[in-house]
Protein backbone atom coordinates (compact mmCIF):
# COMPACT_ATOMS: atom_id res chain seq x y z
CA MET A 1 4.67 29.39 2.00
CA ALA A 2 4.28 27.13 5.04
CA MET A 3 4.92 23.41 4.66
CA LYS A 4 2.30 21.04 5.96
CA THR A 5 3.36 18.20 8.20
CA LEU A 6 2.16 14.78 7.11
CA THR A 7 1.18 12.24 9.70
CA ALA A 8 2.61 8.72 9.59
CA ALA A 9 -0.81 7.39 8.56
CA VAL A 10 -1.00 9.75 5.58
CA VAL A 11 2.53 8.85 4.47
CA ARG A 12 1.73 5.14 4.79
CA ASP A 13 -1.46 5.55 2.72
CA LEU A 14 0.44 7.49 0.03
CA LEU A 15 3.15 4.83 -0.12
CA ASP A 16 0.58 2.01 -0.30
CA ALA A 17 -1.23 3.79 -3.14
CA HIS A 18 2.05 4.43 -4.99
CA LEU A 19 3.20 0.80 -4.73
CA SER A 20 -0.21 -0.52 -5.74
CA ASP A 21 -0.30 1.80 -8.76
CA LEU A 22 3.27 0.89 -9.71
CA ALA A 23 2.41 -2.82 -9.66
CA ARG A 24 -0.77 -2.20 -11.71
CA ARG A 25 1.13 -0.19 -14.35
CA HIS A 26 3.45 -3.16 -14.81
CA GLY A 27 0.56 -5.59 -15.17
CA LEU A 28 1.03 -6.96 -11.65
CA ARG A 29 -0.80 -6.88 -8.35
CA LEU A 30 0.65 -5.78 -5.03
CA ALA A 31 0.99 -8.69 -2.59
CA THR A 32 0.97 -7.79 1.09
CA LEU A 33 0.14 -8.92 4.60
CA ASP A 34 -1.78 -5.65 5.12
CA THR A 35 -5.54 -6.17 4.82
CA GLY A 36 -6.17 -2.43 4.51
CA ILE A 37 -4.84 -1.85 0.97
CA PRO A 38 -7.69 -1.82 -1.57
CA GLY A 39 -7.05 -3.99 -4.62
CA ALA A 40 -3.99 -5.70 -3.16
CA PHE A 41 -3.61 -9.46 -2.84
CA VAL A 42 -3.49 -10.35 0.85
CA ILE A 43 -1.01 -13.16 1.51
CA PRO A 44 -2.77 -15.68 3.76
CA GLU A 45 -1.20 -16.48 7.11
CA ARG A 46 0.33 -19.91 7.46
CA SER A 47 -0.65 -22.07 10.40
CA PRO A 48 2.26 -23.40 12.42
């Protein structure tokens, strides 16, 4: 059986989904600077 190679984008999406689900299962919400993770709390940027 041949193994499929995962792109960096796919791995990143899988990791984001895993961390978001892990937080949800513990009654929490993933906090991140990444605006592309559905359901996550995006930490606002601070002005200098």
